[in-house]
């Protein structure tokens, strides 16, 4: 008897990674339901399209619908899964002109996350969240003078043409407010500056890039200022002002005239499809999963930005929405459903971000208070060392913060900032965390050395030496 298909809800990183791996391992049917029209795209590339570094919107696509079909995947765009019946093993699908129930043998929920807008009115013209290709296309059109807009920038994808046309007809902004100094905020500050817009960046806490720690912010904030961005920290944005189009924002009682506001205040997991099923939830309401991406419901998996994972340092449940973890978890679930049980892997929150010429990386637990809350006795040191041999041109000071546990010597986390290949050095720390290395073992790693690439003692090794001495 032929089994019901493996059903995937969501046609982006986790969902299509799962479907692709499943089809490589088995001849069984897999159906992917995607409520929108865009599939398999590089969300992290959106600021660079807005900036102009990416020529066409469709350059951000990883797989086209025809590529997906060639893999034997039944992709159905414009099909929204609105309910799941775990007992009957069916999903209810709204296809616009019809609604039907689709049986499944196993189900993967890979619905990702959505941008939040807080208490702000995001319906005003000139107010954007950077989440999805249509939002980037609309902002690109808004930034361009009506007589200069080039529709060829869109490529040939299923763009929301009405939204683009509306924004392309408006006069372009000269002043912008970015609400939130996280990844999106910092990247968009660079993108908008490149488009000739004066930028005010507002961050509610004491420094930008909060997960990277104060030492990184102390390198980034002056660099943003040097490049013309006005940085406001410890600043609360009270409201957006405007009738049909944004005219100003009010922060701590002060009015700032702007014609553009980018809201980068966070994301939340898209879990509504499992509402009413009694599925177990974890941090931020994300769907709780085990080591294999299985939820508390029979034959139902979750992966990507909608799901929890195990933290590599603390061993506890966490929710860290990042691109690699979504792709990796989806691939693992696809293998598991095909018959090869594969763990989704732990997450360490490894992340990098670019702020003009400044590169930043972070991994694990960077904040000492957070490490103490997790039960460790943290020791933290920040050092500055050259990125290359001092006599070789092109080097820059690299700042490294390294956090270890006093009791065990174990590496708990770290952060890096600098202008010469600094961000990629965080991978050494990520590997140390995954391997449960002590800081003394990290110090003894045989890292590559040649004057164009590194000094004899790489900045990561210098940090390890200093922390080892303190321990």
Protein backbone atom coordinates (compact mmCIF):
# COMPACT_ATOMS: atom_id res chain seq x y z
CA UNK A 1 0.00 0.00 0.00
CA UNK A 2 1.39 3.39 -1.02
CA UNK A 3 2.10 5.72 1.89
CA UNK A 4 0.78 9.26 2.14
CA UNK A 5 3.36 11.89 1.16
CA UNK A 6 5.79 13.69 3.40
CA UNK A 7 4.26 17.17 3.68
CA UNK A 8 6.33 20.29 4.25
CA UNK A 9 4.81 23.63 5.25
CA UNK A 10 7.10 26.44 4.09
CA UNK A 11 9.17 26.80 0.94
CA UNK A 12 12.36 28.43 2.12
CA UNK A 13 15.57 27.35 3.86
CA UNK A 14 14.48 24.58 6.22
CA UNK A 15 11.52 23.38 4.17
CA UNK A 16 13.26 22.96 0.84
CA UNK A 17 16.43 21.60 2.45
CA UNK A 18 14.27 18.89 4.01
CA UNK A 19 12.35 18.15 0.83
CA UNK A 20 15.54 18.01 -1.27
CA UNK A 21 17.34 15.68 1.12
CA UNK A 22 14.24 13.48 1.42
CA UNK A 23 13.99 13.09 -2.36
CA UNK A 24 17.69 12.27 -2.67
CA UNK A 25 17.25 9.45 -0.16
CA UNK A 26 13.91 7.99 -1.28
CA UNK A 27 11.46 7.83 -4.18
CA UNK A 28 8.49 8.64 -1.96
CA UNK A 29 6.35 11.69 -2.66
CA UNK A 30 6.97 15.02 -0.94
CA UNK A 31 4.63 18.00 -1.15
CA UNK A 32 5.74 21.51 -0.17
CA UNK A 33 3.01 24.08 0.53
CA UNK A 34 4.10 27.74 0.39
CA UNK A 35 1.52 30.43 1.09
CA UNK A 36 3.42 33.08 -0.89
CA UNK A 37 5.03 33.11 -4.30
CA UNK A 38 8.71 33.48 -3.43
CA UNK A 39 10.66 30.36 -2.49
CA UNK A 40 14.27 29.53 -1.66
CA UNK A 41 15.79 32.98 -1.35
CA UNK A 42 18.66 34.56 0.58
CA UNK A 43 17.00 36.64 3.29
CA UNK A 44 20.40 37.83 4.54
CA UNK A 45 21.08 39.40 1.14
CA UNK A 46 18.19 41.87 1.29
CA UNK A 47 20.20 44.83 2.66
CA UNK A 48 22.77 44.35 -0.09
CA UNK A 49 20.09 44.48 -2.77
CA UNK A 50 18.79 47.72 -1.26
CA UNK A 51 22.35 49.04 -1.09
CA UNK A 52 22.87 48.28 -4.79
CA UNK A 53 25.60 45.67 -4.41
CA UNK A 54 23.19 43.03 -5.78
CA UNK A 55 22.06 43.92 -9.30
CA UNK A 56 18.69 42.17 -9.47
CA UNK A 57 16.24 40.96 -6.87
CA UNK A 58 16.15 37.49 -8.41
CA UNK A 59 19.92 37.16 -7.92
CA UNK A 60 18.96 36.34 -4.32
CA UNK A 61 17.11 33.17 -5.36
CA UNK A 62 18.84 29.88 -4.56
CA UNK A 63 16.41 27.61 -6.42
CA UNK A 64 13.78 28.43 -9.01
CA UNK A 65 10.43 26.60 -9.10
CA UNK A 66 11.68 24.68 -12.15
CA UNK A 67 14.83 23.65 -10.26
CA UNK A 68 12.64 22.39 -7.44
CA UNK A 69 10.41 20.45 -9.82
CA UNK A 70 13.49 18.79 -11.37
CA UNK A 71 14.29 17.42 -7.92
CA UNK A 72 10.97 15.61 -7.85
CA UNK A 73 9.39 17.94 -5.31
CA UNK A 74 5.71 18.81 -5.63
CA UNK A 75 5.86 22.54 -4.86
CA UNK A 76 2.54 24.35 -4.53
CA UNK A 77 2.83 28.11 -4.19
CA UNK A 78 -0.12 30.21 -3.14
CA UNK A 79 -1.24 27.38 -0.85
CA UNK A 80 -1.57 28.29 2.82
CA UNK A 81 -1.82 25.56 5.42
CA UNK A 82 -4.32 26.93 7.92
CA UNK A 83 -4.76 23.98 10.28
CA UNK A 84 -3.21 20.67 11.30
CA UNK A 85 -5.11 17.64 12.58
CA UNK A 86 -2.47 15.42 14.22
CA UNK A 87 -4.98 12.63 15.00
CA UNK A 88 -6.15 12.34 11.40
CA UNK A 89 -2.70 13.20 10.02
CA UNK A 90 -4.07 15.82 7.67
CA UNK A 91 -3.45 19.50 6.98
CA UNK A 92 -6.12 21.90 5.79
CA UNK A 93 -4.94 23.93 2.82
CA UNK A 94 -6.39 27.22 1.55
CA UNK A 95 -5.50 27.56 -2.13
CA UNK A 96 -7.50 30.74 -2.69
CA UNK A 97 -10.16 29.25 -4.94
CA UNK A 98 -10.52 26.02 -2.98
CA UNK A 99 -9.90 24.52 0.46
CA UNK A 100 -8.98 20.89 0.93
CA UNK A 101 -7.48 18.41 3.39
CA UNK A 102 -4.14 16.84 2.52
CA UNK A 103 -3.14 13.59 4.27
CA UNK A 104 0.47 13.15 5.34
CA UNK A 105 2.64 10.32 6.58
CA UNK A 106 4.93 12.79 8.35
CA UNK A 107 4.79 16.56 8.52
CA UNK A 108 7.44 19.26 8.75
CA UNK A 109 6.48 22.75 9.89
CA UNK A 110 9.09 25.14 8.47
CA UNK A 111 7.13 28.39 8.49
CA UNK A 112 10.01 30.58 9.61
CA UNK A 113 9.63 33.84 11.49
CA UNK A 114 7.97 37.18 10.86
CA UNK A 115 9.18 40.72 11.46
CA UNK A 116 7.50 42.49 14.35
CA UNK A 117 6.54 46.16 14.35
CA UNK A 118 6.00 46.68 18.07
CA UNK A 119 3.48 49.40 18.80
CA UNK A 120 4.35 51.34 15.65
CA UNK A 121 2.00 52.08 12.75
CA UNK A 122 3.63 50.27 9.86
CA UNK A 123 0.82 51.16 7.45
CA UNK A 124 2.22 54.63 6.71
CA UNK A 125 4.00 55.15 3.41
CA UNK A 126 7.72 55.18 4.03
CA UNK A 127 7.64 52.67 6.90
CA UNK A 128 9.31 49.32 6.16
CA UNK A 129 10.37 46.08 7.76
CA UNK A 130 13.11 44.28 5.85
CA UNK A 131 11.66 40.81 5.77
CA UNK A 132 10.95 39.14 2.44
CA UNK A 133 11.80 40.00 -1.15
CA UNK A 134 8.69 42.12 -1.68
CA UNK A 135 9.65 44.44 1.17
CA UNK A 136 13.14 44.91 -0.27
CA UNK A 137 11.72 45.54 -3.75
CA UNK A 138 9.30 48.14 -2.40
CA UNK A 139 12.04 49.93 -0.43
CA UNK A 140 14.36 49.95 -3.43
CA UNK A 141 11.60 51.58 -5.48
CA UNK A 142 10.89 54.09 -2.69
CA UNK A 143 14.55 55.15 -2.61
CA UNK A 144 14.59 55.92 -6.34
CA UNK A 145 13.30 59.06 -8.03
CA UNK A 146 10.15 58.26 -10.07
CA UNK A 147 11.79 59.17 -13.36
CA UNK A 148 14.89 57.10 -12.57
CA UNK A 149 13.37 53.84 -11.39
CA UNK A 150 14.46 50.79 -13.43
CA UNK A 151 12.03 47.83 -13.26
CA UNK A 152 14.84 45.60 -14.53
CA UNK A 153 16.14 45.67 -10.94
CA UNK A 154 13.42 43.16 -10.10
CA UNK A 155 14.41 40.41 -12.48
CA UNK A 156 11.62 38.09 -13.57
CA UNK A 157 10.32 36.85 -10.21
CA UNK A 158 6.76 36.98 -8.80
CA UNK A 159 7.14 40.46 -7.29
CA UNK A 160 4.23 42.41 -5.79
CA UNK A 161 4.04 44.83 -8.72
CA UNK A 162 1.29 47.00 -7.21
CA UNK A 163 3.39 47.63 -4.11
CA UNK A 164 6.48 48.43 -6.15
CA UNK A 165 4.59 50.75 -8.50
CA UNK A 166 3.06 52.62 -5.57
CA UNK A 167 6.42 53.22 -3.92
CA UNK A 168 8.20 54.07 -7.16
CA UNK A 169 5.75 56.95 -7.72
CA UNK A 170 6.66 58.65 -4.42
CA UNK A 171 9.41 61.21 -4.00
CA UNK A 172 12.50 59.52 -2.57
CA UNK A 173 13.50 60.19 1.04
CA UNK A 174 16.50 62.23 2.12
CA UNK A 175 16.33 61.40 5.85
CA UNK A 176 15.74 58.05 7.54
CA UNK A 177 15.28 56.66 11.01
CA UNK A 178 16.26 53.08 11.77
CA UNK A 179 14.58 51.71 14.88
CA UNK A 180 16.77 48.99 16.35
CA UNK A 181 20.54 48.59 16.31
CA UNK A 182 20.72 44.84 15.72
CA UNK A 183 21.79 43.00 12.56
CA UNK A 184 19.13 44.56 10.34
CA UNK A 185 19.59 48.04 11.76
CA UNK A 186 23.35 48.14 11.29
CA UNK A 187 23.25 46.60 7.81
CA UNK A 188 20.49 48.95 6.70
CA UNK A 189 22.40 51.96 8.03
CA UNK A 190 25.15 51.08 5.57
CA UNK A 191 22.70 50.38 2.74
CA UNK A 192 20.77 53.64 3.13
CA UNK A 193 23.94 55.70 3.46
CA UNK A 194 25.09 54.21 0.17
CA UNK A 195 21.81 55.41 -1.36
CA UNK A 196 22.51 59.00 -0.25
CA UNK A 197 20.10 59.05 2.70
CA UNK A 198 21.00 60.70 6.03
CA UNK A 199 20.52 58.06 8.73
CA UNK A 200 19.61 58.24 12.41
CA UNK A 201 20.00 54.88 14.15
CA UNK A 202 18.08 54.44 17.41
CA UNK A 203 18.98 51.68 19.88
CA UNK A 204 17.02 51.21 23.11
CA UNK A 205 19.90 49.67 25.08
CA UNK A 206 23.31 51.11 25.84
CA UNK A 207 25.04 49.93 22.69
CA UNK A 208 24.34 48.59 19.21
CA UNK A 209 24.72 44.89 18.32
CA UNK A 210 23.76 43.89 21.85
CA UNK A 211 24.51 40.15 21.39
CA UNK A 212 28.10 40.98 20.38
CA UNK A 213 28.97 42.74 23.63
CA UNK A 214 30.26 46.15 24.60
CA UNK A 215 33.78 45.73 23.20
CA UNK A 216 32.44 45.19 19.68
CA UNK A 217 30.07 48.14 20.02
CA UNK A 218 32.99 50.33 21.06
CA UNK A 219 34.56 49.61 17.67
CA UNK A 220 31.35 49.77 15.65
CA UNK A 221 29.65 52.90 16.99
CA UNK A 222 32.53 55.34 16.25
CA UNK A 223 32.91 53.73 12.82
CA UNK A 224 29.23 54.29 12.05
CA UNK A 225 29.62 57.91 13.13
CA UNK A 226 32.67 58.33 10.90
CA UNK A 227 30.60 57.13 7.96
CA UNK A 228 27.87 59.69 8.63
CA UNK A 229 25.36 57.69 10.68
CA UNK A 230 23.97 59.47 13.74
CA UNK A 231 23.83 56.85 16.49
CA UNK A 232 21.42 57.24 19.41
CA UNK A 233 21.86 54.71 22.23
CA UNK A 234 19.74 54.44 25.37
CA UNK A 235 17.07 55.94 23.13
CA UNK A 236 13.39 55.00 23.14
CA UNK A 237 11.36 55.69 20.01
CA UNK A 238 7.95 56.77 21.24
CA UNK A 239 5.95 56.94 18.02
CA UNK A 240 5.90 57.50 14.29
CA UNK A 241 4.31 60.72 13.06
CA UNK A 242 2.44 61.17 9.79
CA UNK A 243 -0.93 61.15 8.07
CA UNK A 244 -0.54 58.97 4.98
CA UNK A 245 3.25 59.16 4.75
CA UNK A 246 5.73 59.25 7.60
CA UNK A 247 6.85 62.76 8.49
CA UNK A 248 8.88 62.27 11.67
CA UNK A 249 9.65 60.03 14.59
CA UNK A 250 9.58 61.04 18.23
CA UNK A 251 12.32 59.61 20.45
CA UNK A 252 12.56 60.48 24.14
CA UNK A 253 10.27 63.41 23.48
CA UNK A 254 12.39 64.87 20.65
CA UNK A 255 11.02 65.11 17.11
CA UNK A 256 13.21 63.98 14.19
CA UNK A 257 11.86 64.82 10.69
CA UNK A 258 12.23 61.83 8.34
CA UNK A 259 10.64 60.48 5.17
CA UNK A 260 11.66 56.86 5.82
CA UNK A 261 11.57 54.58 8.85
CA UNK A 262 12.98 51.06 8.95
CA UNK A 263 11.72 48.95 11.83
CA UNK A 264 14.28 46.42 12.99
CA UNK A 265 12.76 45.60 16.35
CA UNK A 266 12.90 41.82 16.09
CA UNK A 267 11.19 38.71 14.76
CA UNK A 268 8.81 36.12 16.16
CA UNK A 269 8.29 32.47 15.13
CA UNK A 270 5.38 31.78 12.77
CA UNK A 271 3.64 29.11 14.85
CA UNK A 272 -0.02 29.84 14.08
CA UNK A 273 -0.39 26.75 11.87
CA UNK A 274 -0.13 24.57 14.99
CA UNK A 275 -2.50 26.63 17.13
CA UNK A 276 -5.10 24.40 18.78
CA UNK A 277 -3.01 21.24 18.49
CA UNK A 278 -1.57 21.40 21.99
CA UNK A 279 1.98 21.30 20.65
CA UNK A 280 4.65 22.02 23.27
CA UNK A 281 6.29 25.42 23.08
CA UNK A 282 9.65 26.78 24.16
CA UNK A 283 11.37 30.17 24.41
CA UNK A 284 9.63 33.02 22.55
CA UNK A 285 6.74 30.65 21.82
CA UNK A 286 8.79 28.66 19.30
CA UNK A 287 7.84 25.04 18.66
CA UNK A 288 9.70 22.73 21.04
CA UNK A 289 11.73 20.06 19.25
CA UNK A 290 14.04 17.22 20.28
CA UNK A 291 17.46 16.34 18.92
CA UNK A 292 15.90 15.10 15.68
CA UNK A 293 13.50 17.99 15.10
CA UNK A 294 10.50 16.04 16.40
CA UNK A 295 7.74 17.97 18.15
CA UNK A 296 5.47 16.71 20.93
CA UNK A 297 2.91 15.73 18.25
CA UNK A 298 3.15 12.32 16.55
CA UNK A 299 4.83 12.40 13.11
CA UNK A 300 5.18 16.20 13.23
CA UNK A 301 8.59 17.85 12.95
CA UNK A 302 9.63 21.51 13.05
CA UNK A 303 12.82 23.17 11.81
CA UNK A 304 14.29 26.58 11.16
CA UNK A 305 13.20 29.89 12.64
CA UNK A 306 9.95 28.40 13.95
CA UNK A 307 11.65 25.80 16.16
CA UNK A 308 13.76 25.58 19.28
CA UNK A 309 17.19 23.97 19.46
CA UNK A 310 19.70 22.91 22.09
CA UNK A 311 22.36 25.45 23.02
CA UNK A 312 25.89 24.10 22.53
CA UNK A 313 27.24 25.84 25.64
CA UNK A 314 24.46 25.52 28.20
CA UNK A 315 22.76 22.35 26.90
CA UNK A 316 19.41 24.06 27.44
CA UNK A 317 16.57 24.85 25.09
CA UNK A 318 16.93 28.07 23.13
CA UNK A 319 15.58 29.92 20.10
CA UNK A 320 18.17 31.50 17.79
CA UNK A 321 16.82 32.18 14.27
CA UNK A 322 19.76 32.06 11.83
CA UNK A 323 20.22 30.88 8.26
CA UNK A 324 22.70 28.04 8.56
CA UNK A 325 20.84 26.42 11.45
CA UNK A 326 17.63 26.46 9.40
CA UNK A 327 19.26 24.81 6.38
CA UNK A 328 21.10 22.29 8.55
CA UNK A 329 18.04 21.35 10.61
CA UNK A 330 15.87 20.98 7.51
CA UNK A 331 18.38 18.70 5.85
CA UNK A 332 18.58 16.56 9.01
CA UNK A 333 14.79 16.22 9.23
CA UNK A 334 14.64 15.21 5.56
CA UNK A 335 17.16 12.46 6.23
CA UNK A 336 15.34 11.32 9.36
CA UNK A 337 11.96 11.09 7.63
CA UNK A 338 13.61 9.18 4.78
CA UNK A 339 14.79 6.56 7.28
CA UNK A 340 18.23 7.76 8.35
CA UNK A 341 17.84 9.32 11.84
CA UNK A 342 20.04 12.43 11.81
CA UNK A 343 20.38 14.95 14.66
CA UNK A 344 19.69 18.57 13.78
CA UNK A 345 22.75 19.65 15.80
CA UNK A 346 23.27 22.14 18.58
CA UNK A 347 23.40 25.90 18.04
CA UNK A 348 25.94 28.32 19.45
CA UNK A 349 24.49 31.54 18.06
CA UNK A 350 27.44 31.98 15.71
CA UNK A 351 26.88 35.16 13.73
CA UNK A 352 28.77 37.75 11.72
CA UNK A 353 27.76 41.20 10.56
CA UNK A 354 29.36 43.95 8.47
CA UNK A 355 29.13 47.64 9.38
CA UNK A 356 30.76 49.48 6.48
CA UNK A 357 34.43 48.38 6.77
CA UNK A 358 34.05 46.99 10.28
CA UNK A 359 33.56 43.22 10.56
CA UNK A 360 32.04 41.67 13.68
CA UNK A 361 31.57 38.10 14.86
CA UNK A 362 30.15 36.43 17.96
CA UNK A 363 29.51 32.94 19.31
CA UNK A 364 28.34 31.25 22.49
CA UNK A 365 27.87 33.31 25.65
CA UNK A 366 29.51 36.72 25.45
CA UNK A 367 27.86 38.40 28.43
CA UNK A 368 29.34 37.51 31.83
CA UNK A 369 26.01 37.97 33.61
CA UNK A 370 24.33 35.57 31.18
CA UNK A 371 27.12 33.05 31.76
CA UNK A 372 26.67 33.33 35.53
CA UNK A 373 22.90 32.88 35.14
CA UNK A 374 23.63 29.67 33.21
CA UNK A 375 25.56 28.29 36.17
CA UNK A 376 29.12 29.09 35.12
CA UNK A 377 31.83 31.05 36.93
CA UNK A 378 32.83 33.27 34.00
CA UNK A 379 36.19 34.85 33.30
CA UNK A 380 36.25 37.38 30.48
CA UNK A 381 39.09 39.31 28.86
CA UNK A 382 39.24 41.65 25.88
CA UNK A 383 42.49 42.08 23.94
CA UNK A 384 43.57 43.96 20.85
CA UNK A 385 46.12 42.46 18.47
CA UNK A 386 47.23 42.93 14.89
CA UNK A 387 45.50 41.02 12.12
CA UNK A 388 48.77 40.46 10.20
CA UNK A 389 52.48 40.69 10.89
CA UNK A 390 53.23 44.29 11.79
CA UNK A 391 55.62 44.81 8.88
CA UNK A 392 53.16 43.51 6.28
CA UNK A 393 50.76 46.15 4.83
CA UNK A 394 46.98 46.00 5.12
CA UNK A 395 46.64 44.93 8.73
CA UNK A 396 44.29 46.35 11.33
CA UNK A 397 43.74 46.11 15.05
CA UNK A 398 41.51 43.16 15.89
CA UNK A 399 39.54 43.20 19.13
CA UNK A 400 38.77 39.82 20.70
CA UNK A 401 36.62 39.18 23.76
CA UNK A 402 36.96 35.66 25.13
CA UNK A 403 34.80 34.16 27.88
CA UNK A 404 35.71 30.97 29.77
CA UNK A 405 34.52 29.06 32.82
CA UNK A 406 36.86 29.46 35.81
CA UNK A 407 36.08 26.02 37.19
CA UNK A 408 36.61 23.90 34.08
CA UNK A 409 38.55 26.25 31.82
CA UNK A 410 36.01 25.56 29.09
CA UNK A 411 35.52 28.12 26.32
CA UNK A 412 32.04 29.63 26.71
CA UNK A 413 31.97 32.27 24.00
CA UNK A 414 33.61 35.20 22.32
CA UNK A 415 33.26 38.19 20.05
CA UNK A 416 35.56 39.78 17.48
CA UNK A 417 35.70 43.11 15.65
CA UNK A 418 38.12 44.61 13.15
CA UNK A 419 38.54 45.69 9.55
CA UNK A 420 40.84 42.98 8.22
CA UNK A 421 39.24 39.53 8.00
CA UNK A 422 38.12 39.76 11.61
CA UNK A 423 34.67 38.21 11.37
CA UNK A 424 35.78 34.89 9.92
CA UNK A 425 38.09 34.33 12.90
CA UNK A 426 35.01 33.67 15.03
CA UNK A 427 34.81 30.26 13.35
CA UNK A 428 37.84 29.19 15.40
CA UNK A 429 35.93 30.00 18.57
CA UNK A 430 32.80 28.25 17.26
CA UNK A 431 34.83 25.11 16.60
CA UNK A 432 36.36 25.31 20.08
CA UNK A 433 32.90 25.49 21.63
CA UNK A 434 31.54 22.59 19.59
CA UNK A 435 34.59 20.51 20.57
CA UNK A 436 34.27 21.46 24.28
CA UNK A 437 37.84 22.77 24.29
CA UNK A 438 39.32 24.44 27.32
CA UNK A 439 40.91 27.82 26.86
CA UNK A 440 44.34 26.17 27.39
CA UNK A 441 43.58 23.73 24.57
CA UNK A 442 42.46 26.65 22.39
CA UNK A 443 45.78 28.37 23.10
CA UNK A 444 47.65 25.31 21.85
CA UNK A 445 45.82 25.07 18.51
CA UNK A 446 48.20 24.95 15.55
CA UNK A 447 46.67 27.81 13.57
CA UNK A 448 48.15 28.86 10.24
CA UNK A 449 50.71 31.65 10.12
CA UNK A 450 52.12 33.71 7.28
CA UNK A 451 52.64 37.51 7.32
CA UNK A 452 49.89 38.32 4.77
CA UNK A 453 47.30 36.38 6.80
CA UNK A 454 48.15 36.48 10.48
CA UNK A 455 50.85 37.29 12.99
CA UNK A 456 52.65 34.37 14.60
CA UNK A 457 50.15 34.57 17.44
CA UNK A 458 46.70 34.92 15.89
CA UNK A 459 44.47 37.37 17.82
CA UNK A 460 42.35 34.43 18.99
CA UNK A 461 45.44 32.75 20.42
CA UNK A 462 46.51 35.98 22.10
CA UNK A 463 43.12 36.16 23.82
CA UNK A 464 43.44 32.52 24.88
CA UNK A 465 46.90 33.20 26.35
CA UNK A 466 45.58 36.13 28.38
CA UNK A 467 42.57 34.22 29.72
CA UNK A 468 44.71 31.17 30.53
CA UNK A 469 46.97 33.42 32.56
CA UNK A 470 44.01 34.84 34.42
CA UNK A 471 42.68 31.37 35.17
